[in-house]
Amino acid sequence: MGTLISKDTRRISFNNTFEINPALLIEKSIEDQNSFGINDLETECANDLTFEDAISSKKIQDEEQKYWSGRIETLKTEHQIISKIIETEYEKTIENANKLYNQPTVTDDKIKKIKPCFNWRAKILQCYENNPRQSLVCSPIVQAFNEYIEFCRVPE
């Protein structure tokens, strides 16, 4: 047993365009600011704080939405590129296979030689139906069919 080493290896590679979500960076910086300035802040209205929190969370949601929609678009384009590559490789493989193997040409003469085989099929089936428990009775017909097949064999 040996190993088959392919001379024509194909590799697909892409640049990683993955970026860190800027919304996560904004959220982290907001948490850092809040943790350092809690003691220095004066007490403000609860409504003002909730309004500021709502605005910052809305900004974060918008940033996340932009990030993920952009990420989905890049994945779609990369998928389309991969699909095109796979299709071209498939077509190349089909062309190479067709070059390596000659496809047999079917002519009218070959078809005329094959058609009488259907008559033999009917004879064999009839024999087996007539003799369901005695299949050896049909062996001369099967042997004659084999000889006929050898005679009519289509040379390639």
N, C-alpha and C. Protein backbone atom coordinates (compact mmCIF):
# COMPACT_ATOMS: atom_id res chain seq x y z
N MET A 1 0.84 -1.18 0.00
CA MET A 1 0.00 0.00 0.00
C MET A 1 0.89 1.24 0.00
N GLY A 2 0.58 2.15 -0.82
CA GLY A 2 1.33 3.39 -0.87
C GLY A 2 0.40 4.57 -0.72
N THR A 3 0.99 5.69 -0.65
CA THR A 3 0.18 6.90 -0.56
C THR A 3 0.22 7.61 -1.89
N LEU A 4 -0.86 8.21 -2.23
CA LEU A 4 -0.97 8.95 -3.47
C LEU A 4 -0.73 10.42 -3.17
N ILE A 5 0.31 10.95 -3.76
CA ILE A 5 0.64 12.35 -3.53
C ILE A 5 0.14 13.15 -4.73
N SER A 6 -0.70 14.10 -4.48
CA SER A 6 -1.27 14.92 -5.54
C SER A 6 -0.32 16.05 -5.87
N LYS A 7 -0.10 16.24 -7.16
CA LYS A 7 0.76 17.33 -7.60
C LYS A 7 0.00 18.64 -7.71
N ASP A 8 -1.31 18.52 -7.89
CA ASP A 8 -2.13 19.70 -8.15
C ASP A 8 -3.02 19.98 -6.96
N THR A 9 -2.42 20.43 -5.86
CA THR A 9 -3.23 20.76 -4.68
C THR A 9 -3.74 22.18 -4.80
N ARG A 10 -4.91 22.38 -4.27
CA ARG A 10 -5.53 23.70 -4.35
C ARG A 10 -5.84 24.17 -2.94
N ARG A 11 -5.52 25.43 -2.68
CA ARG A 11 -5.79 25.99 -1.35
C ARG A 11 -6.57 27.28 -1.53
N ILE A 12 -7.45 27.52 -0.60
CA ILE A 12 -8.24 28.74 -0.59
C ILE A 12 -7.93 29.47 0.72
N SER A 13 -7.59 30.75 0.61
CA SER A 13 -7.34 31.52 1.82
C SER A 13 -7.96 32.90 1.67
N PHE A 14 -8.35 33.46 2.79
CA PHE A 14 -8.96 34.77 2.82
C PHE A 14 -8.28 35.61 3.89
N ASN A 15 -8.26 36.91 3.68
CA ASN A 15 -7.77 37.82 4.71
C ASN A 15 -8.85 37.93 5.77
N ASN A 16 -8.44 37.90 7.02
CA ASN A 16 -9.40 38.02 8.11
C ASN A 16 -9.76 39.48 8.26
N THR A 17 -11.01 39.81 7.97
CA THR A 17 -11.47 41.19 8.06
C THR A 17 -12.28 41.42 9.32
N PHE A 18 -12.11 40.55 10.28
CA PHE A 18 -12.85 40.65 11.54
C PHE A 18 -12.34 41.84 12.34
N GLU A 19 -13.24 42.70 12.74
CA GLU A 19 -12.89 43.87 13.52
C GLU A 19 -13.57 43.77 14.89
N ILE A 20 -12.98 44.44 15.85
CA ILE A 20 -13.59 44.48 17.18
C ILE A 20 -14.78 45.42 17.12
N ASN A 21 -15.86 45.01 17.74
CA ASN A 21 -17.07 45.79 17.74
C ASN A 21 -16.83 47.10 18.50
N PRO A 22 -16.96 48.26 17.80
CA PRO A 22 -16.72 49.54 18.48
C PRO A 22 -17.73 49.82 19.58
N ALA A 23 -18.91 49.24 19.48
CA ALA A 23 -19.92 49.45 20.52
C ALA A 23 -19.45 48.86 21.84
N LEU A 24 -18.75 47.75 21.78
CA LEU A 24 -18.23 47.15 23.00
C LEU A 24 -17.16 48.03 23.63
N LEU A 25 -16.36 48.67 22.79
CA LEU A 25 -15.33 49.57 23.32
C LEU A 25 -15.97 50.78 24.00
N ILE A 26 -17.04 51.32 23.40
CA ILE A 26 -17.73 52.47 23.98
C ILE A 26 -18.33 52.07 25.32
N GLU A 27 -18.94 50.88 25.36
CA GLU A 27 -19.57 50.42 26.61
C GLU A 27 -18.53 50.26 27.70
N LYS A 28 -17.36 49.73 27.36
CA LYS A 28 -16.31 49.53 28.35
C LYS A 28 -15.78 50.88 28.86
N SER A 29 -15.62 51.84 27.95
CA SER A 29 -15.12 53.15 28.37
C SER A 29 -16.14 53.86 29.27
N ILE A 30 -17.42 53.66 29.01
CA ILE A 30 -18.46 54.25 29.85
C ILE A 30 -18.39 53.64 31.24
N GLU A 31 -18.20 52.32 31.31
CA GLU A 31 -18.09 51.66 32.62
C GLU A 31 -16.85 52.16 33.37
N ASP A 32 -15.73 52.37 32.66
CA ASP A 32 -14.52 52.86 33.30
C ASP A 32 -14.73 54.27 33.85
N GLN A 33 -15.40 55.12 33.07
CA GLN A 33 -15.66 56.49 33.52
C GLN A 33 -16.55 56.47 34.76
N ASN A 34 -17.58 55.64 34.75
CA ASN A 34 -18.50 55.58 35.87
C ASN A 34 -17.80 55.07 37.13
N SER A 35 -16.90 54.12 36.99
CA SER A 35 -16.26 53.55 38.17
C SER A 35 -15.29 54.54 38.83
N PHE A 36 -14.63 55.40 38.05
CA PHE A 36 -13.68 56.34 38.62
C PHE A 36 -14.34 57.60 39.15
N GLY A 37 -15.46 58.02 38.60
CA GLY A 37 -16.05 59.30 38.97
C GLY A 37 -17.24 59.22 39.87
N ILE A 38 -17.55 58.09 40.43
CA ILE A 38 -18.75 57.96 41.27
C ILE A 38 -18.63 58.81 42.52
N ASN A 39 -17.51 58.85 43.17
CA ASN A 39 -17.37 59.61 44.42
C ASN A 39 -17.39 61.11 44.18
N ASP A 40 -16.96 61.57 43.01
CA ASP A 40 -16.86 63.00 42.74
C ASP A 40 -18.15 63.60 42.21
N LEU A 41 -19.09 62.78 41.76
CA LEU A 41 -20.31 63.30 41.16
C LEU A 41 -21.26 63.85 42.22
N GLU A 42 -21.93 64.91 41.85
CA GLU A 42 -22.96 65.44 42.74
C GLU A 42 -24.25 64.68 42.46
N THR A 43 -25.11 64.70 43.41
CA THR A 43 -26.38 64.01 43.26
C THR A 43 -27.24 64.80 42.29
N GLU A 44 -27.71 64.09 41.26
CA GLU A 44 -28.54 64.74 40.24
C GLU A 44 -29.91 64.08 40.25
N CYS A 45 -30.76 64.61 39.45
CA CYS A 45 -32.12 64.08 39.34
C CYS A 45 -32.07 62.66 38.76
N ALA A 46 -32.93 61.82 39.21
CA ALA A 46 -33.01 60.46 38.69
C ALA A 46 -33.45 60.45 37.24
N ASN A 47 -34.30 61.42 36.87
CA ASN A 47 -34.77 61.49 35.49
C ASN A 47 -33.63 61.82 34.54
N ASP A 48 -32.73 62.73 34.94
CA ASP A 48 -31.59 63.07 34.08
C ASP A 48 -30.68 61.87 33.86
N LEU A 49 -30.47 61.11 34.91
CA LEU A 49 -29.60 59.94 34.78
C LEU A 49 -30.21 58.88 33.86
N THR A 50 -31.50 58.64 34.01
CA THR A 50 -32.12 57.63 33.17
C THR A 50 -32.16 58.09 31.72
N PHE A 51 -32.32 59.41 31.49
CA PHE A 51 -32.33 59.94 30.12
C PHE A 51 -30.95 59.78 29.49
N GLU A 52 -29.89 60.06 30.26
CA GLU A 52 -28.53 59.91 29.75
C GLU A 52 -28.21 58.44 29.51
N ASP A 53 -28.68 57.58 30.39
CA ASP A 53 -28.47 56.15 30.20
C ASP A 53 -29.20 55.66 28.95
N ALA A 54 -30.40 56.15 28.73
CA ALA A 54 -31.17 55.75 27.56
C ALA A 54 -30.47 56.18 26.28
N ILE A 55 -29.93 57.41 26.29
CA ILE A 55 -29.21 57.90 25.11
C ILE A 55 -27.97 57.06 24.85
N SER A 56 -27.20 56.77 25.89
CA SER A 56 -25.98 55.99 25.70
C SER A 56 -26.30 54.56 25.27
N SER A 57 -27.36 53.98 25.82
CA SER A 57 -27.72 52.61 25.41
C SER A 57 -28.24 52.60 23.97
N LYS A 58 -28.90 53.68 23.56
CA LYS A 58 -29.38 53.79 22.17
C LYS A 58 -28.18 53.87 21.23
N LYS A 59 -27.15 54.66 21.62
CA LYS A 59 -25.94 54.76 20.80
C LYS A 59 -25.26 53.41 20.69
N ILE A 60 -25.19 52.71 21.80
CA ILE A 60 -24.55 51.39 21.80
C ILE A 60 -25.32 50.43 20.90
N GLN A 61 -26.65 50.46 20.97
CA GLN A 61 -27.46 49.59 20.12
C GLN A 61 -27.26 49.92 18.65
N ASP A 62 -27.20 51.22 18.33
CA ASP A 62 -26.98 51.62 16.95
C ASP A 62 -25.62 51.13 16.45
N GLU A 63 -24.58 51.28 17.28
CA GLU A 63 -23.25 50.83 16.91
C GLU A 63 -23.22 49.31 16.70
N GLU A 64 -23.89 48.59 17.61
CA GLU A 64 -23.94 47.14 17.47
C GLU A 64 -24.69 46.74 16.21
N GLN A 65 -25.77 47.43 15.91
CA GLN A 65 -26.54 47.14 14.70
C GLN A 65 -25.69 47.37 13.46
N LYS A 66 -24.97 48.47 13.42
CA LYS A 66 -24.09 48.75 12.27
C LYS A 66 -23.01 47.69 12.15
N TYR A 67 -22.42 47.33 13.27
CA TYR A 67 -21.34 46.34 13.27
C TYR A 67 -21.83 45.00 12.73
N TRP A 68 -22.94 44.51 13.27
CA TRP A 68 -23.40 43.19 12.87
C TRP A 68 -23.95 43.17 11.45
N SER A 69 -24.59 44.25 11.02
CA SER A 69 -25.06 44.28 9.63
C SER A 69 -23.86 44.29 8.68
N GLY A 70 -22.81 45.03 9.03
CA GLY A 70 -21.60 45.02 8.21
C GLY A 70 -20.94 43.66 8.21
N ARG A 71 -20.90 43.01 9.36
CA ARG A 71 -20.28 41.69 9.46
C ARG A 71 -21.05 40.67 8.62
N ILE A 72 -22.37 40.74 8.65
CA ILE A 72 -23.20 39.83 7.85
C ILE A 72 -22.95 40.06 6.37
N GLU A 73 -22.84 41.30 5.95
CA GLU A 73 -22.58 41.60 4.55
C GLU A 73 -21.23 41.04 4.10
N THR A 74 -20.19 41.18 4.94
CA THR A 74 -18.89 40.65 4.56
C THR A 74 -18.93 39.13 4.49
N LEU A 75 -19.66 38.49 5.39
CA LEU A 75 -19.78 37.04 5.33
C LEU A 75 -20.52 36.59 4.07
N LYS A 76 -21.53 37.36 3.67
CA LYS A 76 -22.26 37.03 2.44
C LYS A 76 -21.34 37.13 1.23
N THR A 77 -20.55 38.19 1.15
CA THR A 77 -19.66 38.35 0.00
C THR A 77 -18.59 37.25 -0.01
N GLU A 78 -18.04 36.92 1.15
CA GLU A 78 -17.06 35.84 1.21
C GLU A 78 -17.68 34.51 0.81
N HIS A 79 -18.92 34.28 1.20
CA HIS A 79 -19.61 33.05 0.81
C HIS A 79 -19.81 33.00 -0.71
N GLN A 80 -20.15 34.12 -1.32
CA GLN A 80 -20.31 34.16 -2.77
C GLN A 80 -18.99 33.87 -3.47
N ILE A 81 -17.90 34.41 -2.94
CA ILE A 81 -16.59 34.15 -3.53
C ILE A 81 -16.25 32.66 -3.43
N ILE A 82 -16.50 32.08 -2.27
CA ILE A 82 -16.22 30.65 -2.09
C ILE A 82 -17.08 29.82 -3.05
N SER A 83 -18.34 30.18 -3.21
CA SER A 83 -19.23 29.44 -4.11
C SER A 83 -18.71 29.50 -5.55
N LYS A 84 -18.25 30.67 -5.98
CA LYS A 84 -17.71 30.80 -7.33
C LYS A 84 -16.47 29.93 -7.50
N ILE A 85 -15.61 29.91 -6.51
CA ILE A 85 -14.40 29.09 -6.58
C ILE A 85 -14.76 27.62 -6.68
N ILE A 86 -15.71 27.19 -5.88
CA ILE A 86 -16.13 25.79 -5.90
C ILE A 86 -16.73 25.43 -7.26
N GLU A 87 -17.53 26.31 -7.84
CA GLU A 87 -18.12 26.04 -9.14
C GLU A 87 -17.05 25.91 -10.22
N THR A 88 -16.07 26.81 -10.21
CA THR A 88 -15.01 26.73 -11.23
C THR A 88 -14.17 25.47 -11.04
N GLU A 89 -13.90 25.09 -9.79
CA GLU A 89 -13.14 23.86 -9.55
C GLU A 89 -13.93 22.64 -10.01
N TYR A 90 -15.23 22.66 -9.81
CA TYR A 90 -16.07 21.55 -10.26
C TYR A 90 -16.03 21.45 -11.78
N GLU A 91 -16.14 22.58 -12.46
CA GLU A 91 -16.09 22.58 -13.93
C GLU A 91 -14.73 22.10 -14.43
N LYS A 92 -13.65 22.52 -13.77
CA LYS A 92 -12.32 22.06 -14.16
C LYS A 92 -12.20 20.55 -13.99
N THR A 93 -12.75 20.04 -12.90
CA THR A 93 -12.68 18.60 -12.65
C THR A 93 -13.45 17.83 -13.72
N ILE A 94 -14.61 18.32 -14.10
CA ILE A 94 -15.40 17.67 -15.15
C ILE A 94 -14.62 17.68 -16.46
N GLU A 95 -14.01 18.81 -16.81
CA GLU A 95 -13.23 18.89 -18.04
C GLU A 95 -12.05 17.93 -18.01
N ASN A 96 -11.34 17.86 -16.88
CA ASN A 96 -10.21 16.94 -16.76
C ASN A 96 -10.66 15.49 -16.88
N ALA A 97 -11.77 15.15 -16.27
CA ALA A 97 -12.29 13.79 -16.35
C ALA A 97 -12.68 13.44 -17.78
N ASN A 98 -13.28 14.38 -18.48
CA ASN A 98 -13.65 14.14 -19.88
C ASN A 98 -12.42 13.96 -20.76
N LYS A 99 -11.33 14.67 -20.43
CA LYS A 99 -10.10 14.52 -21.21
C LYS A 99 -9.46 13.15 -20.95
N LEU A 100 -9.53 12.69 -19.70
CA LEU A 100 -8.89 11.42 -19.35
C LEU A 100 -9.64 10.21 -19.90
N TYR A 101 -10.94 10.24 -19.88
CA TYR A 101 -11.74 9.09 -20.27
C TYR A 101 -12.50 9.40 -21.55
N ASN A 102 -12.34 8.52 -22.51
CA ASN A 102 -13.07 8.68 -23.77
C ASN A 102 -14.51 8.22 -23.57
N GLN A 103 -15.43 9.06 -23.95
CA GLN A 103 -16.83 8.70 -23.82
C GLN A 103 -17.21 7.83 -25.01
N PRO A 104 -17.88 6.70 -24.76
CA PRO A 104 -18.24 5.82 -25.88
C PRO A 104 -19.29 6.50 -26.75
N THR A 105 -19.12 6.31 -28.03
CA THR A 105 -20.09 6.87 -28.96
C THR A 105 -21.13 5.80 -29.26
N VAL A 106 -22.37 6.18 -29.16
CA VAL A 106 -23.47 5.27 -29.41
C VAL A 106 -23.96 5.51 -30.83
N THR A 107 -23.94 4.46 -31.62
CA THR A 107 -24.40 4.57 -33.01
C THR A 107 -25.67 3.73 -33.18
N ASP A 108 -26.27 3.90 -34.34
CA ASP A 108 -27.49 3.13 -34.64
C ASP A 108 -27.20 1.64 -34.72
N ASP A 109 -26.03 1.26 -35.23
CA ASP A 109 -25.67 -0.15 -35.31
C ASP A 109 -25.59 -0.77 -33.92
N LYS A 110 -25.00 -0.05 -32.98
CA LYS A 110 -24.88 -0.58 -31.62
C LYS A 110 -26.25 -0.74 -30.98
N ILE A 111 -27.14 0.21 -31.24
CA ILE A 111 -28.49 0.14 -30.68
C ILE A 111 -29.24 -1.05 -31.27
N LYS A 112 -29.06 -1.30 -32.57
CA LYS A 112 -29.73 -2.44 -33.21
C LYS A 112 -29.24 -3.76 -32.63
N LYS A 113 -27.96 -3.82 -32.23
CA LYS A 113 -27.44 -5.04 -31.63
C LYS A 113 -28.00 -5.25 -30.23
N ILE A 114 -28.29 -4.19 -29.52
CA ILE A 114 -28.74 -4.29 -28.14
C ILE A 114 -30.24 -4.60 -28.06
N LYS A 115 -31.04 -4.12 -28.99
CA LYS A 115 -32.50 -4.28 -28.91
C LYS A 115 -32.98 -5.73 -28.79
N PRO A 116 -32.43 -6.69 -29.50
CA PRO A 116 -32.94 -8.06 -29.35
C PRO A 116 -32.79 -8.64 -27.96
N CYS A 117 -31.96 -8.07 -27.12
CA CYS A 117 -31.79 -8.57 -25.75
C CYS A 117 -33.10 -8.49 -24.97
N PHE A 118 -33.97 -7.58 -25.32
CA PHE A 118 -35.23 -7.43 -24.61
C PHE A 118 -36.14 -8.64 -24.85
N ASN A 119 -36.04 -9.26 -26.04
CA ASN A 119 -36.82 -10.47 -26.31
C ASN A 119 -36.37 -11.60 -25.40
N TRP A 120 -35.07 -11.75 -25.21
CA TRP A 120 -34.55 -12.78 -24.33
C TRP A 120 -35.00 -12.54 -22.89
N ARG A 121 -35.05 -11.30 -22.50
CA ARG A 121 -35.49 -10.98 -21.13
C ARG A 121 -36.90 -11.51 -20.90
N ALA A 122 -37.77 -11.29 -21.87
CA ALA A 122 -39.15 -11.76 -21.73
C ALA A 122 -39.21 -13.28 -21.66
N LYS A 123 -38.36 -13.96 -22.46
CA LYS A 123 -38.35 -15.43 -22.44
C LYS A 123 -37.89 -15.95 -21.08
N ILE A 124 -36.85 -15.34 -20.51
CA ILE A 124 -36.32 -15.78 -19.22
C ILE A 124 -37.34 -15.55 -18.11
N LEU A 125 -37.97 -14.38 -18.10
CA LEU A 125 -38.99 -14.10 -17.08
C LEU A 125 -40.16 -15.07 -17.17
N GLN A 126 -40.57 -15.39 -18.39
CA GLN A 126 -41.68 -16.33 -18.58
C GLN A 126 -41.31 -17.71 -18.06
N CYS A 127 -40.08 -18.11 -18.30
CA CYS A 127 -39.63 -19.42 -17.82
C CYS A 127 -39.63 -19.48 -16.29
N TYR A 128 -39.12 -18.43 -15.66
CA TYR A 128 -39.10 -18.40 -14.19
C TYR A 128 -40.52 -18.35 -13.60
N GLU A 129 -41.43 -17.68 -14.28
CA GLU A 129 -42.81 -17.64 -13.79
C GLU A 129 -43.49 -19.00 -13.93
N ASN A 130 -43.17 -19.71 -15.01
CA ASN A 130 -43.77 -21.02 -15.23
C ASN A 130 -43.19 -22.07 -14.29
N ASN A 131 -41.96 -21.89 -13.87
CA ASN A 131 -41.27 -22.85 -13.00
C ASN A 131 -40.77 -22.15 -11.74
N PRO A 132 -41.67 -21.78 -10.83
CA PRO A 132 -41.23 -20.99 -9.68
C PRO A 132 -40.34 -21.75 -8.71
N ARG A 133 -40.50 -23.05 -8.59
CA ARG A 133 -39.72 -23.84 -7.64
C ARG A 133 -38.65 -24.69 -8.32
N GLN A 134 -38.53 -24.55 -9.64
CA GLN A 134 -37.56 -25.34 -10.39
C GLN A 134 -36.75 -24.41 -11.30
N SER A 135 -35.92 -23.59 -10.70
CA SER A 135 -35.17 -22.60 -11.48
C SER A 135 -34.13 -23.23 -12.40
N LEU A 136 -33.68 -24.44 -12.10
CA LEU A 136 -32.70 -25.09 -12.96
C LEU A 136 -33.27 -25.48 -14.32
N VAL A 137 -34.57 -25.56 -14.42
CA VAL A 137 -35.20 -25.86 -15.71
C VAL A 137 -34.90 -24.74 -16.71
N CYS A 138 -34.73 -23.52 -16.19
CA CYS A 138 -34.49 -22.35 -17.05
C CYS A 138 -33.01 -22.16 -17.38
N SER A 139 -32.15 -22.99 -16.89
CA SER A 139 -30.71 -22.79 -17.12
C SER A 139 -30.32 -22.86 -18.59
N PRO A 140 -30.93 -23.72 -19.45
CA PRO A 140 -30.55 -23.68 -20.87
C PRO A 140 -30.88 -22.34 -21.53
N ILE A 141 -32.01 -21.77 -21.13
CA ILE A 141 -32.38 -20.48 -21.72
C ILE A 141 -31.41 -19.40 -21.24
N VAL A 142 -31.04 -19.42 -19.97
CA VAL A 142 -30.10 -18.44 -19.44
C VAL A 142 -28.73 -18.60 -20.10
N GLN A 143 -28.32 -19.86 -20.32
CA GLN A 143 -27.03 -20.11 -20.98
C GLN A 143 -27.06 -19.59 -22.42
N ALA A 144 -28.17 -19.81 -23.12
CA ALA A 144 -28.30 -19.30 -24.49
C ALA A 144 -28.27 -17.78 -24.50
N PHE A 145 -28.88 -17.17 -23.49
CA PHE A 145 -28.87 -15.71 -23.39
C PHE A 145 -27.43 -15.20 -23.18
N ASN A 146 -26.67 -15.88 -22.31
CA ASN A 146 -25.26 -15.47 -22.09
C ASN A 146 -24.45 -15.57 -23.37
N GLU A 147 -24.65 -16.63 -24.14
CA GLU A 147 -23.93 -16.78 -25.41
C GLU A 147 -24.31 -15.68 -26.38
N TYR A 148 -25.60 -15.34 -26.39
CA TYR A 148 -26.06 -14.26 -27.27
C TYR A 148 -25.43 -12.92 -26.88
N ILE A 149 -25.32 -12.68 -25.57
CA ILE A 149 -24.71 -11.44 -25.09
C ILE A 149 -23.26 -11.37 -25.52
N GLU A 150 -22.53 -12.45 -25.41
CA GLU A 150 -21.12 -12.49 -25.82
C GLU A 150 -21.02 -12.20 -27.32
N PHE A 151 -21.95 -12.73 -28.08
CA PHE A 151 -21.93 -12.53 -29.53
C PHE A 151 -22.20 -11.08 -29.90
N CYS A 152 -23.13 -10.47 -29.18
CA CYS A 152 -23.55 -9.08 -29.50
C CYS A 152 -22.76 -8.02 -28.73
N ARG A 153 -21.76 -8.40 -27.97
CA ARG A 153 -21.03 -7.44 -27.17
C ARG A 153 -20.48 -6.32 -28.06
N VAL A 154 -20.72 -5.08 -27.63
CA VAL A 154 -20.29 -3.91 -28.38
C VAL A 154 -18.84 -3.60 -28.04
N PRO A 155 -17.97 -3.64 -29.04
CA PRO A 155 -16.56 -3.29 -28.74
C PRO A 155 -16.44 -1.78 -28.50
N GLU A 156 -15.56 -1.46 -27.57
CA GLU A 156 -15.39 -0.03 -27.26
C GLU A 156 -14.23 0.56 -27.99
